[in-house]
C-alpha atoms as a PDB file:
ATOM      1  CA  MET A   1     157.971  57.064  96.378  1.00  0.00           C
ATOM      2  CA  ARG A   2     159.068  58.843  93.242  1.00  0.00           C
ATOM      3  CA  LYS A   3     161.468  57.499  90.648  1.00  0.00           C
ATOM      4  CA  LEU A   4     162.442  58.885  87.273  1.00  0.00           C
ATOM      5  CA  ILE A   5     162.026  56.811  84.146  1.00  0.00           C
ATOM      6  CA  ALA A   6     163.281  58.025  80.789  1.00  0.00           C
ATOM      7  CA  PHE A   7     161.348  57.393  77.569  1.00  0.00           C
ATOM      8  CA  ASP A   8     162.317  58.244  74.041  1.00  0.00           C
ATOM      9  CA  GLU A   9     160.053  60.887  72.537  1.00  0.00           C
ATOM     10  CA  ASP A  10     158.159  58.511  70.232  1.00  0.00           C
ATOM     11  CA  THR A  11     157.349  56.066  73.056  1.00  0.00           C
ATOM     12  CA  PHE A  12     156.246  58.886  75.332  1.00  0.00           C
ATOM     13  CA  ASP A  13     153.957  60.299  72.632  1.00  0.00           C
ATOM     14  CA  LYS A  14     152.374  56.874  72.134  1.00  0.00           C
ATOM     15  CA  LEU A  15     151.865  56.449  75.884  1.00  0.00           C
ATOM     16  CA  LYS A  16     150.237  59.879  76.137  1.00  0.00           C
ATOM     17  CA  GLN A  17     147.913  59.017  73.235  1.00  0.00           C
ATOM     18  CA  LEU A  18     147.031  55.649  74.783  1.00  0.00           C
ATOM     19  CA  GLY A  19     146.253  57.421  78.052  1.00  0.00           C
ATOM     20  CA  ARG A  20     143.994  59.898  76.264  1.00  0.00           C
ATOM     21  CA  ASP A  21     142.236  57.136  74.334  1.00  0.00           C
ATOM     22  CA  GLN A  22     141.514  55.133  77.481  1.00  0.00           C
ATOM     23  CA  MET A  23     141.047  58.167  79.735  1.00  0.00           C
ATOM     24  CA  LEU A  24     143.930  57.063  81.988  1.00  0.00           C
ATOM     25  CA  SER A  25     146.872  58.969  83.363  1.00  0.00           C
ATOM     26  CA  LEU A  26     150.452  58.004  82.642  1.00  0.00           C
ATOM     27  CA  GLN A  27     150.631  56.822  86.263  1.00  0.00           C
ATOM     28  CA  ASP A  28     147.632  54.515  85.698  1.00  0.00           C
ATOM     29  CA  LEU A  29     149.303  53.054  82.599  1.00  0.00           C
ATOM     30  CA  ALA A  30     152.560  52.534  84.499  1.00  0.00           C
ATOM     31  CA  ASP A  31     150.758  50.886  87.431  1.00  0.00           C
ATOM     32  CA  GLU A  32     149.001  48.484  85.056  1.00  0.00           C
ATOM     33  CA  ALA A  33     152.217  47.672  83.200  1.00  0.00           C
ATOM     34  CA  PHE A  34     154.193  46.982  86.367  1.00  0.00           C
ATOM     35  CA  MET A  35     151.411  44.859  87.866  1.00  0.00           C
ATOM     36  CA  ASP A  36     151.348  42.796  84.648  1.00  0.00           C
ATOM     37  CA  LEU A  37     155.126  42.399  84.817  1.00  0.00           C
ATOM     38  CA  LEU A  38     155.007  41.205  88.418  1.00  0.00           C
ATOM     39  CA  GLU A  39     152.217  38.747  87.581  1.00  0.00           C
ATOM     40  CA  LYS A  40     154.162  37.430  84.589  1.00  0.00           C
ATOM     41  CA  HIS A  41     157.102  36.589  86.854  1.00  0.00           C
ATOM     42  CA  GLY A  42     154.971  35.131  89.646  1.00  0.00           C
ATOM     43  CA  VAL A  43     155.594  37.925  92.144  1.00  0.00           C
ATOM     44  CA  PRO A  44     152.540  38.645  94.331  1.00  0.00           C
ATOM     45  CA  ALA A  45     151.329  42.207  93.824  1.00  0.00           C
ATOM     46  CA  ASP A  46     149.936  42.699  97.322  1.00  0.00           C
ATOM     47  CA  LEU A  47     149.372  40.894 100.613  1.00  0.00           C
ATOM     48  CA  LYS A  48     146.104  39.344  99.437  1.00  0.00           C
ATOM     49  CA  ASP A  49     147.814  37.840  96.368  1.00  0.00           C
ATOM     50  CA  ALA A  50     150.748  36.643  98.487  1.00  0.00           C
ATOM     51  CA  LEU A  51     148.417  34.866 100.919  1.00  0.00           C
ATOM     52  CA  ARG A  52     146.406  33.324  98.086  1.00  0.00           C
ATOM     53  CA  LYS A  53     149.580  32.047  96.403  1.00  0.00           C
ATOM     54  CA  SER A  54     150.942  30.724  99.700  1.00  0.00           C
ATOM     55  CA  ALA A  55     147.708  28.854 100.438  1.00  0.00           C
ATOM     56  CA  ALA A  56     147.642  27.382  96.928  1.00  0.00           C
ATOM     57  CA  ASP A  57     151.275  26.272  97.211  1.00  0.00           C
ATOM     58  CA  ALA A  58     150.606  24.678 100.605  1.00  0.00           C
ATOM     59  CA  GLY A  59     147.561  22.870  99.214  1.00  0.00           C
ATOM     60  CA  ASP A  60     149.520  21.569  96.240  1.00  0.00           C
ATOM     61  CA  SER A  61     152.356  20.214  98.369  1.00  0.00           C
ATOM     62  CA  THR A  62     149.900  18.564 100.775  1.00  0.00           C
ATOM     63  CA  ALA A  63     147.988  16.950  97.913  1.00  0.00           C
ATOM     64  CA  LYS A  64     151.192  15.734  96.254  1.00  0.00           C
ATOM     65  CA  ALA A  65     152.538  14.241  99.495  1.00  0.00           C
ATOM     66  CA  GLY A  66     149.400  12.151 100.060  1.00  0.00           C
ATOM     67  CA  ARG A  67     149.105  10.938  96.474  1.00  0.00           C
ATOM     68  CA  LYS A  68     150.190   7.434  95.522  1.00  0.00           C
ATOM     69  CA  PRO A  69     151.380   6.622  92.019  1.00  0.00           C
ATOM     70  CA  ARG A  70     148.793   4.796  89.945  1.00  0.00           C
ATOM     71  CA  LYS A  71     149.555   1.498  88.331  1.00  0.00           C
ATOM     72  CA  ARG A  72     148.736   1.358  84.650  1.00  0.00           C
ATOM     73  CA  SER A  73     147.013  -1.749  83.464  1.00  0.00           C
ATOM     74  CA  LYS A  74     147.915  -3.155  80.101  1.00  0.00           C
ATOM     75  CA  THR A  75     144.725  -4.067  78.317  1.00  0.00           C
ATOM     76  CA  ALA A  76     144.255  -4.735  74.637  1.00  0.00           C
ATOM     77  CA  ALA A  77     142.069  -2.267  72.871  1.00  0.00           C
END
């Protein structure tokens, strides 16, 4: 799918230079940036990540449901 994104000239020049420095295309830089953004907001990037997150969430809720609150003992130090 293609979408247009507008950059100001200075930003575009810096992105082109970064791409040259790291031998990456503008598409590679955009892919990395959007994957980082999704990760930052907790959105799974692909099916594998979604399944991993789902399994972790299920494990957490199961562990929390079976846990009993601990009683704190008051001992003098």
